[in-house]
Amino acid sequence: MSDMPKVGELAPEFELRDDSGRAHRLSDRRGHFTVVYFYPADDTPGCTKEACSFRDNDAAFKAADTEVWGLSPQGPASKAAFRAKYGLPFTLLADEDHGVADLFGAWGEKTNYGKTYWGILRSSFLVGPDGKVAHVWPKVKAEGHATEVLAALSEARSRLD
C-alpha cells in the first residue's frame, strides 16, 4: 500500500474504463480540475449518499469546468446499474484490481464489527489543471462531502485567478 499523495505532488497517472468501456486517463484532464473519489462499493447506503451528493451538485461542478470521477473495485456492469438506479451523471470507473486505489493510498486495512480486512478507504483528491494534488480528504464522511469538495474547488480556483 502506498502513502496518499500530498498537496503539491503530481497525482498518480492512471487509466481505467467506465461502465460503457470508454477509457479515462487522468493526464487527459490537464488544464481542468478533476475530483477523484474512492468509495467502497456500488449501491450501498454510505456510497449511495456520497454519490447522490455529487449528483445533486453536478451543475456546480460542471459550471466550474470540473469532472467528478468515482472509483471502486466493482466491475462495469455494477457501475452501469448504480448509475442507472440513481441517475448519476458523472464518471464511475472500475478499479477491479484496486491498482489505482493502491497508487493513491486508498486501499488499506479496515475494521468492522471486530473483523479486520483490506478494502477501499473512503477518500478523495482534487487534482488541479497542472496535474498536481490541490486538496486531499483522507477520511471522508459520505454525507455532505460534495459540498466540502466544492468549497475547496472554489478556493483552489481563486488561487489560479
N, C-alpha and C. Protein backbone atom coordinates (compact mmCIF):
# COMPACT_ATOMS: atom_id res chain seq x y z
N MET A 1 0.83 -1.19 0.00
CA MET A 1 0.00 0.00 0.00
C MET A 1 0.87 1.25 0.00
N SER A 2 0.56 2.19 -0.84
CA SER A 2 1.31 3.45 -0.93
C SER A 2 0.74 4.46 0.06
N ASP A 3 1.55 5.49 0.31
CA ASP A 3 1.04 6.63 1.06
C ASP A 3 0.16 7.45 0.12
N MET A 4 -0.75 8.21 0.70
CA MET A 4 -1.58 9.10 -0.12
C MET A 4 -0.72 10.23 -0.65
N PRO A 5 -0.93 10.62 -1.92
CA PRO A 5 -0.20 11.78 -2.44
C PRO A 5 -0.56 13.02 -1.63
N LYS A 6 0.42 13.89 -1.47
CA LYS A 6 0.21 15.11 -0.69
C LYS A 6 -0.07 16.29 -1.60
N VAL A 7 -0.67 17.32 -1.02
CA VAL A 7 -0.94 18.55 -1.76
C VAL A 7 0.36 19.05 -2.37
N GLY A 8 0.31 19.41 -3.66
CA GLY A 8 1.50 19.90 -4.36
C GLY A 8 2.24 18.83 -5.13
N GLU A 9 1.98 17.56 -4.81
CA GLU A 9 2.62 16.46 -5.54
C GLU A 9 1.83 16.15 -6.80
N LEU A 10 2.51 15.62 -7.80
CA LEU A 10 1.85 15.18 -9.01
C LEU A 10 0.93 14.00 -8.66
N ALA A 11 -0.30 14.05 -9.11
CA ALA A 11 -1.22 12.94 -8.86
C ALA A 11 -0.77 11.73 -9.66
N PRO A 12 -0.90 10.52 -9.11
CA PRO A 12 -0.50 9.33 -9.86
C PRO A 12 -1.30 9.22 -11.17
N GLU A 13 -0.61 8.90 -12.24
CA GLU A 13 -1.26 8.73 -13.54
C GLU A 13 -1.95 7.38 -13.57
N PHE A 14 -3.13 7.32 -14.17
CA PHE A 14 -3.83 6.05 -14.33
C PHE A 14 -4.77 6.12 -15.53
N GLU A 15 -5.18 4.93 -15.95
CA GLU A 15 -6.20 4.79 -17.00
C GLU A 15 -7.14 3.67 -16.55
N LEU A 16 -8.42 3.97 -16.50
CA LEU A 16 -9.45 2.98 -16.18
C LEU A 16 -10.62 3.14 -17.13
N ARG A 17 -11.45 2.11 -17.22
CA ARG A 17 -12.62 2.14 -18.09
C ARG A 17 -13.89 2.40 -17.28
N ASP A 18 -14.82 3.12 -17.92
CA ASP A 18 -16.11 3.37 -17.29
C ASP A 18 -17.08 2.24 -17.64
N ASP A 19 -18.33 2.39 -17.25
CA ASP A 19 -19.33 1.34 -17.47
C ASP A 19 -19.65 1.10 -18.95
N SER A 20 -19.27 2.04 -19.82
CA SER A 20 -19.51 1.84 -21.26
C SER A 20 -18.27 1.32 -21.97
N GLY A 21 -17.17 1.13 -21.22
CA GLY A 21 -15.94 0.62 -21.81
C GLY A 21 -14.98 1.71 -22.26
N ARG A 22 -15.39 2.98 -22.11
CA ARG A 22 -14.54 4.11 -22.53
C ARG A 22 -13.39 4.30 -21.54
N ALA A 23 -12.18 4.47 -22.07
CA ALA A 23 -11.00 4.67 -21.23
C ALA A 23 -10.92 6.13 -20.76
N HIS A 24 -10.55 6.31 -19.50
CA HIS A 24 -10.34 7.65 -18.93
C HIS A 24 -8.93 7.69 -18.38
N ARG A 25 -8.15 8.68 -18.83
CA ARG A 25 -6.78 8.88 -18.35
C ARG A 25 -6.72 10.19 -17.60
N LEU A 26 -6.11 10.16 -16.43
CA LEU A 26 -6.02 11.39 -15.65
C LEU A 26 -5.25 12.46 -16.42
N SER A 27 -4.22 12.06 -17.15
CA SER A 27 -3.40 13.03 -17.90
C SER A 27 -4.22 13.76 -18.97
N ASP A 28 -5.30 13.15 -19.44
CA ASP A 28 -6.16 13.81 -20.43
C ASP A 28 -6.93 14.99 -19.83
N ARG A 29 -6.92 15.11 -18.53
CA ARG A 29 -7.65 16.18 -17.83
C ARG A 29 -6.76 17.39 -17.56
N ARG A 30 -5.53 17.39 -18.04
CA ARG A 30 -4.65 18.56 -17.83
C ARG A 30 -5.35 19.79 -18.36
N GLY A 31 -5.25 20.88 -17.59
CA GLY A 31 -5.92 22.11 -17.97
C GLY A 31 -7.28 22.26 -17.30
N HIS A 32 -7.71 21.22 -16.58
CA HIS A 32 -9.01 21.23 -15.92
C HIS A 32 -8.88 20.59 -14.53
N PHE A 33 -9.78 20.94 -13.64
CA PHE A 33 -9.83 20.27 -12.34
C PHE A 33 -10.57 18.94 -12.48
N THR A 34 -10.15 17.96 -11.65
CA THR A 34 -10.81 16.66 -11.60
C THR A 34 -10.91 16.22 -10.14
N VAL A 35 -12.08 15.77 -9.74
CA VAL A 35 -12.27 15.17 -8.43
C VAL A 35 -12.15 13.66 -8.61
N VAL A 36 -11.21 13.04 -7.89
CA VAL A 36 -11.04 11.59 -7.91
C VAL A 36 -11.46 11.10 -6.53
N TYR A 37 -12.60 10.41 -6.47
CA TYR A 37 -13.03 9.93 -5.16
C TYR A 37 -13.16 8.42 -5.14
N PHE A 38 -12.67 7.84 -4.05
CA PHE A 38 -12.68 6.39 -3.87
C PHE A 38 -13.79 6.02 -2.89
N TYR A 39 -14.61 5.05 -3.27
CA TYR A 39 -15.70 4.60 -2.41
C TYR A 39 -15.71 3.07 -2.40
N PRO A 40 -16.14 2.47 -1.27
CA PRO A 40 -16.03 1.02 -1.13
C PRO A 40 -16.86 0.18 -2.10
N ALA A 41 -18.14 0.52 -2.30
CA ALA A 41 -18.97 -0.37 -3.12
C ALA A 41 -20.18 0.34 -3.71
N ASP A 42 -20.53 -0.06 -4.94
CA ASP A 42 -21.72 0.47 -5.60
C ASP A 42 -22.97 0.10 -4.81
N ASP A 43 -23.92 1.03 -4.77
CA ASP A 43 -25.27 0.76 -4.26
C ASP A 43 -25.30 0.25 -2.81
N THR A 44 -24.44 0.78 -1.97
CA THR A 44 -24.50 0.53 -0.53
C THR A 44 -24.92 1.85 0.12
N PRO A 45 -25.44 1.84 1.34
CA PRO A 45 -26.02 3.06 1.90
C PRO A 45 -25.09 4.28 1.91
N GLY A 46 -23.90 4.16 2.47
CA GLY A 46 -22.98 5.30 2.54
C GLY A 46 -22.50 5.76 1.16
N CYS A 47 -22.20 4.79 0.32
CA CYS A 47 -21.70 5.11 -1.03
C CYS A 47 -22.79 5.77 -1.87
N THR A 48 -24.04 5.35 -1.65
CA THR A 48 -25.15 5.96 -2.37
C THR A 48 -25.35 7.40 -1.91
N LYS A 49 -25.27 7.64 -0.59
CA LYS A 49 -25.39 9.01 -0.06
C LYS A 49 -24.33 9.91 -0.69
N GLU A 50 -23.09 9.41 -0.73
CA GLU A 50 -21.99 10.20 -1.28
C GLU A 50 -22.20 10.47 -2.77
N ALA A 51 -22.56 9.43 -3.52
CA ALA A 51 -22.77 9.58 -4.97
C ALA A 51 -23.91 10.55 -5.25
N CYS A 52 -24.99 10.45 -4.48
CA CYS A 52 -26.14 11.34 -4.71
C CYS A 52 -25.80 12.78 -4.34
N SER A 53 -24.89 12.96 -3.38
CA SER A 53 -24.41 14.29 -3.03
C SER A 53 -23.66 14.91 -4.22
N PHE A 54 -22.81 14.11 -4.86
CA PHE A 54 -22.11 14.60 -6.06
C PHE A 54 -23.12 14.85 -7.18
N ARG A 55 -24.08 13.95 -7.33
CA ARG A 55 -25.12 14.12 -8.37
C ARG A 55 -25.88 15.43 -8.16
N ASP A 56 -26.28 15.68 -6.92
CA ASP A 56 -27.09 16.86 -6.63
C ASP A 56 -26.32 18.17 -6.81
N ASN A 57 -25.00 18.07 -6.84
CA ASN A 57 -24.16 19.25 -7.04
C ASN A 57 -23.50 19.26 -8.42
N ASP A 58 -23.98 18.40 -9.30
CA ASP A 58 -23.36 18.24 -10.63
C ASP A 58 -23.29 19.55 -11.41
N ALA A 59 -24.35 20.35 -11.37
CA ALA A 59 -24.35 21.61 -12.13
C ALA A 59 -23.24 22.54 -11.64
N ALA A 60 -23.00 22.58 -10.35
CA ALA A 60 -21.94 23.44 -9.80
C ALA A 60 -20.56 22.95 -10.24
N PHE A 61 -20.36 21.63 -10.27
CA PHE A 61 -19.07 21.09 -10.73
C PHE A 61 -18.88 21.40 -12.22
N LYS A 62 -19.93 21.21 -13.02
CA LYS A 62 -19.83 21.49 -14.46
C LYS A 62 -19.56 22.97 -14.69
N ALA A 63 -20.22 23.84 -13.91
CA ALA A 63 -20.02 25.29 -14.05
C ALA A 63 -18.58 25.68 -13.73
N ALA A 64 -17.92 24.88 -12.89
CA ALA A 64 -16.52 25.13 -12.52
C ALA A 64 -15.56 24.34 -13.42
N ASP A 65 -16.07 23.81 -14.57
CA ASP A 65 -15.24 23.07 -15.52
C ASP A 65 -14.49 21.93 -14.82
N THR A 66 -15.22 21.21 -13.97
CA THR A 66 -14.61 20.14 -13.17
C THR A 66 -15.38 18.85 -13.38
N GLU A 67 -14.65 17.76 -13.63
CA GLU A 67 -15.27 16.44 -13.73
C GLU A 67 -15.11 15.71 -12.41
N VAL A 68 -16.11 14.91 -12.08
CA VAL A 68 -16.08 14.05 -10.90
C VAL A 68 -15.92 12.62 -11.38
N TRP A 69 -14.93 11.91 -10.83
CA TRP A 69 -14.70 10.51 -11.15
C TRP A 69 -14.79 9.70 -9.86
N GLY A 70 -15.73 8.77 -9.81
CA GLY A 70 -15.86 7.87 -8.65
C GLY A 70 -15.25 6.53 -8.99
N LEU A 71 -14.39 6.02 -8.10
CA LEU A 71 -13.71 4.74 -8.34
C LEU A 71 -14.01 3.76 -7.21
N SER A 72 -14.31 2.51 -7.61
CA SER A 72 -14.47 1.42 -6.65
C SER A 72 -14.13 0.11 -7.36
N PRO A 73 -13.96 -0.97 -6.59
CA PRO A 73 -13.49 -2.23 -7.19
C PRO A 73 -14.52 -3.00 -8.01
N GLN A 74 -15.80 -2.64 -7.96
CA GLN A 74 -16.79 -3.41 -8.72
C GLN A 74 -16.63 -3.15 -10.22
N GLY A 75 -17.09 -4.11 -11.00
CA GLY A 75 -16.90 -4.06 -12.45
C GLY A 75 -17.88 -3.14 -13.17
N PRO A 76 -17.73 -3.04 -14.49
CA PRO A 76 -18.55 -2.15 -15.31
C PRO A 76 -20.06 -2.38 -15.20
N ALA A 77 -20.51 -3.63 -15.11
CA ALA A 77 -21.94 -3.91 -15.03
C ALA A 77 -22.52 -3.33 -13.74
N SER A 78 -21.79 -3.46 -12.66
CA SER A 78 -22.23 -2.91 -11.37
C SER A 78 -22.29 -1.38 -11.45
N LYS A 79 -21.30 -0.79 -12.10
CA LYS A 79 -21.27 0.68 -12.27
C LYS A 79 -22.49 1.15 -13.09
N ALA A 80 -22.78 0.43 -14.16
CA ALA A 80 -23.91 0.81 -15.02
C ALA A 80 -25.22 0.73 -14.25
N ALA A 81 -25.40 -0.31 -13.43
CA ALA A 81 -26.62 -0.46 -12.65
C ALA A 81 -26.73 0.65 -11.59
N PHE A 82 -25.63 0.97 -10.94
CA PHE A 82 -25.59 2.01 -9.91
C PHE A 82 -25.94 3.37 -10.54
N ARG A 83 -25.34 3.66 -11.67
CA ARG A 83 -25.58 4.92 -12.39
C ARG A 83 -27.06 5.03 -12.78
N ALA A 84 -27.60 3.96 -13.34
CA ALA A 84 -28.99 3.97 -13.81
C ALA A 84 -29.97 4.11 -12.64
N LYS A 85 -29.73 3.39 -11.57
CA LYS A 85 -30.65 3.39 -10.42
C LYS A 85 -30.79 4.78 -9.79
N TYR A 86 -29.67 5.53 -9.74
CA TYR A 86 -29.68 6.82 -9.04
C TYR A 86 -29.49 8.03 -9.97
N GLY A 87 -29.48 7.80 -11.28
CA GLY A 87 -29.34 8.90 -12.23
C GLY A 87 -28.04 9.66 -12.05
N LEU A 88 -26.95 8.93 -11.89
CA LEU A 88 -25.64 9.56 -11.63
C LEU A 88 -25.06 10.08 -12.94
N PRO A 89 -24.82 11.39 -13.05
CA PRO A 89 -24.39 11.99 -14.31
C PRO A 89 -22.86 12.03 -14.49
N PHE A 90 -22.11 11.60 -13.49
CA PHE A 90 -20.65 11.70 -13.57
C PHE A 90 -20.02 10.33 -13.84
N THR A 91 -18.72 10.32 -14.04
CA THR A 91 -17.98 9.13 -14.44
C THR A 91 -17.75 8.19 -13.26
N LEU A 92 -18.08 6.92 -13.45
CA LEU A 92 -17.78 5.87 -12.48
C LEU A 92 -16.78 4.93 -13.14
N LEU A 93 -15.68 4.66 -12.45
CA LEU A 93 -14.61 3.85 -13.02
C LEU A 93 -14.40 2.57 -12.22
N ALA A 94 -14.20 1.48 -12.94
CA ALA A 94 -13.99 0.16 -12.34
C ALA A 94 -12.51 -0.06 -12.07
N ASP A 95 -12.14 -0.06 -10.79
CA ASP A 95 -10.76 -0.31 -10.35
C ASP A 95 -10.73 -1.72 -9.76
N GLU A 96 -10.99 -2.70 -10.63
CA GLU A 96 -11.24 -4.07 -10.18
C GLU A 96 -10.09 -4.72 -9.44
N ASP A 97 -8.86 -4.39 -9.76
CA ASP A 97 -7.73 -4.98 -9.04
C ASP A 97 -7.20 -4.02 -7.96
N HIS A 98 -7.95 -2.97 -7.70
CA HIS A 98 -7.63 -1.89 -6.75
C HIS A 98 -6.21 -1.33 -6.95
N GLY A 99 -5.72 -1.42 -8.19
CA GLY A 99 -4.38 -0.90 -8.50
C GLY A 99 -4.29 0.61 -8.38
N VAL A 100 -5.34 1.32 -8.82
CA VAL A 100 -5.34 2.78 -8.73
C VAL A 100 -5.52 3.19 -7.27
N ALA A 101 -6.39 2.49 -6.55
CA ALA A 101 -6.55 2.77 -5.11
C ALA A 101 -5.21 2.60 -4.40
N ASP A 102 -4.45 1.58 -4.79
CA ASP A 102 -3.10 1.38 -4.21
C ASP A 102 -2.22 2.61 -4.47
N LEU A 103 -2.22 3.09 -5.72
CA LEU A 103 -1.39 4.24 -6.09
C LEU A 103 -1.72 5.48 -5.26
N PHE A 104 -3.01 5.63 -4.92
CA PHE A 104 -3.46 6.81 -4.17
C PHE A 104 -3.48 6.57 -2.66
N GLY A 105 -3.03 5.40 -2.21
CA GLY A 105 -3.05 5.10 -0.78
C GLY A 105 -4.46 4.92 -0.26
N ALA A 106 -5.40 4.58 -1.14
CA ALA A 106 -6.80 4.45 -0.76
C ALA A 106 -7.22 2.98 -0.59
N TRP A 107 -6.25 2.09 -0.51
CA TRP A 107 -6.52 0.67 -0.24
C TRP A 107 -5.78 0.35 1.03
N GLY A 108 -6.49 -0.15 2.03
CA GLY A 108 -5.81 -0.41 3.29
C GLY A 108 -6.62 -1.28 4.22
N GLU A 109 -6.07 -1.46 5.41
CA GLU A 109 -6.69 -2.31 6.41
C GLU A 109 -7.84 -1.57 7.07
N LYS A 110 -8.96 -2.26 7.21
CA LYS A 110 -10.15 -1.70 7.82
C LYS A 110 -10.64 -2.66 8.90
N THR A 111 -11.41 -2.14 9.83
CA THR A 111 -12.01 -2.98 10.86
C THR A 111 -13.50 -2.67 10.93
N ASN A 112 -14.30 -3.71 10.91
CA ASN A 112 -15.75 -3.55 11.01
C ASN A 112 -16.28 -4.68 11.88
N TYR A 113 -17.02 -4.33 12.92
CA TYR A 113 -17.57 -5.31 13.85
C TYR A 113 -16.50 -6.28 14.34
N GLY A 114 -15.31 -5.72 14.65
CA GLY A 114 -14.22 -6.52 15.19
C GLY A 114 -13.47 -7.38 14.19
N LYS A 115 -13.88 -7.32 12.93
CA LYS A 115 -13.22 -8.11 11.88
C LYS A 115 -12.30 -7.19 11.09
N THR A 116 -11.06 -7.62 10.88
CA THR A 116 -10.10 -6.83 10.12
C THR A 116 -9.99 -7.39 8.71
N TYR A 117 -9.98 -6.50 7.73
CA TYR A 117 -9.91 -6.90 6.33
C TYR A 117 -9.32 -5.74 5.52
N TRP A 118 -9.02 -6.01 4.25
CA TRP A 118 -8.49 -4.98 3.35
C TRP A 118 -9.60 -4.48 2.45
N GLY A 119 -9.61 -3.17 2.21
CA GLY A 119 -10.62 -2.61 1.33
C GLY A 119 -10.34 -1.16 1.02
N ILE A 120 -11.30 -0.53 0.34
CA ILE A 120 -11.18 0.88 -0.05
C ILE A 120 -11.32 1.76 1.18
N LEU A 121 -10.41 2.69 1.34
CA LEU A 121 -10.51 3.72 2.37
C LEU A 121 -11.20 4.90 1.71
N ARG A 122 -12.38 5.25 2.20
CA ARG A 122 -13.16 6.33 1.57
C ARG A 122 -12.34 7.61 1.64
N SER A 123 -11.89 8.06 0.48
CA SER A 123 -11.01 9.23 0.41
C SER A 123 -11.20 9.92 -0.94
N SER A 124 -10.82 11.21 -0.98
CA SER A 124 -10.99 11.99 -2.21
C SER A 124 -9.79 12.88 -2.45
N PHE A 125 -9.60 13.21 -3.73
CA PHE A 125 -8.48 14.05 -4.15
C PHE A 125 -8.99 15.05 -5.18
N LEU A 126 -8.62 16.29 -5.00
CA LEU A 126 -8.89 17.31 -6.00
C LEU A 126 -7.59 17.50 -6.77
N VAL A 127 -7.63 17.19 -8.07
CA VAL A 127 -6.45 17.30 -8.91
C VAL A 127 -6.59 18.56 -9.75
N GLY A 128 -5.57 19.40 -9.69
CA GLY A 128 -5.60 20.68 -10.39
C GLY A 128 -5.27 20.56 -11.86
N PRO A 129 -5.42 21.67 -12.59
CA PRO A 129 -5.15 21.69 -14.02
C PRO A 129 -3.70 21.33 -14.38
N ASP A 130 -2.80 21.50 -13.39
CA ASP A 130 -1.38 21.18 -13.61
C ASP A 130 -1.08 19.71 -13.32
N GLY A 131 -2.11 18.93 -12.96
CA GLY A 131 -1.90 17.52 -12.66
C GLY A 131 -1.45 17.27 -11.23
N LYS A 132 -1.35 18.33 -10.44
CA LYS A 132 -0.92 18.18 -9.05
C LYS A 132 -2.13 18.14 -8.12
N VAL A 133 -1.93 17.47 -7.00
CA VAL A 133 -2.98 17.36 -5.99
C VAL A 133 -3.19 18.73 -5.35
N ALA A 134 -4.42 19.23 -5.41
CA ALA A 134 -4.75 20.54 -4.85
C ALA A 134 -5.37 20.40 -3.46
N HIS A 135 -5.99 19.26 -3.17
CA HIS A 135 -6.60 19.03 -1.86
C HIS A 135 -6.76 17.53 -1.65
N VAL A 136 -6.61 17.08 -0.39
CA VAL A 136 -6.77 15.67 -0.04
C VAL A 136 -7.77 15.55 1.10
N TRP A 137 -8.68 14.60 0.98
CA TRP A 137 -9.58 14.23 2.07
C TRP A 137 -9.28 12.78 2.40
N PRO A 138 -8.43 12.51 3.41
CA PRO A 138 -8.03 11.12 3.69
C PRO A 138 -9.13 10.27 4.33
N LYS A 139 -10.04 10.89 5.08
CA LYS A 139 -11.12 10.14 5.73
C LYS A 139 -12.41 10.88 5.49
N VAL A 140 -13.17 10.43 4.51
CA VAL A 140 -14.37 11.12 4.08
C VAL A 140 -15.59 10.61 4.83
N LYS A 141 -16.44 11.54 5.25
CA LYS A 141 -17.78 11.19 5.72
C LYS A 141 -18.68 11.40 4.50
N ALA A 142 -19.43 10.36 4.14
CA ALA A 142 -20.22 10.38 2.91
C ALA A 142 -21.20 11.56 2.86
N GLU A 143 -21.88 11.81 3.95
CA GLU A 143 -22.90 12.85 4.00
C GLU A 143 -22.28 14.23 3.80
N GLY A 144 -22.73 14.96 2.78
CA GLY A 144 -22.29 16.34 2.58
C GLY A 144 -20.89 16.51 2.02
N HIS A 145 -20.27 15.42 1.61
CA HIS A 145 -18.88 15.52 1.14
C HIS A 145 -18.74 16.40 -0.11
N ALA A 146 -19.69 16.30 -1.03
CA ALA A 146 -19.60 17.08 -2.27
C ALA A 146 -19.54 18.58 -1.97
N THR A 147 -20.24 19.02 -0.93
CA THR A 147 -20.22 20.44 -0.55
C THR A 147 -18.83 20.86 -0.09
N GLU A 148 -18.16 19.99 0.68
CA GLU A 148 -16.78 20.26 1.10
C GLU A 148 -15.86 20.37 -0.10
N VAL A 149 -16.05 19.48 -1.06
CA VAL A 149 -15.22 19.47 -2.26
C VAL A 149 -15.44 20.76 -3.06
N LEU A 150 -16.68 21.17 -3.19
CA LEU A 150 -16.97 22.42 -3.92
C LEU A 150 -16.31 23.62 -3.26
N ALA A 151 -16.30 23.66 -1.93
CA ALA A 151 -15.66 24.77 -1.22
C ALA A 151 -14.16 24.78 -1.49
N ALA A 152 -13.53 23.62 -1.46
CA ALA A 152 -12.08 23.53 -1.73
C ALA A 152 -11.80 23.86 -3.19
N LEU A 153 -12.68 23.45 -4.08
CA LEU A 153 -12.53 23.75 -5.51
C LEU A 153 -12.58 25.26 -5.73
N SER A 154 -13.53 25.91 -5.10
CA SER A 154 -13.66 27.37 -5.22
C SER A 154 -12.39 28.07 -4.74
N GLU A 155 -11.87 27.61 -3.61
CA GLU A 155 -10.64 28.19 -3.06
C GLU A 155 -9.46 27.95 -4.00
N ALA A 156 -9.33 26.73 -4.51
CA ALA A 156 -8.23 26.39 -5.43
C ALA A 156 -8.32 27.21 -6.73
N ARG A 157 -9.52 27.38 -7.24
CA ARG A 157 -9.71 28.17 -8.47
C ARG A 157 -9.34 29.62 -8.22
N SER A 158 -9.67 30.15 -7.06
CA SER A 158 -9.38 31.57 -6.77
C SER A 158 -7.87 31.81 -6.70
N ARG A 159 -7.11 30.77 -6.32
CA ARG A 159 -5.65 30.92 -6.28
C ARG A 159 -5.05 30.99 -7.68
N LEU A 160 -5.80 30.48 -8.68
CA LEU A 160 -5.31 30.49 -10.06
C LEU A 160 -5.59 31.84 -10.75
N ASP A 161 -6.63 32.52 -10.31
CA ASP A 161 -7.04 33.76 -10.99
C ASP A 161 -6.08 34.91 -10.73
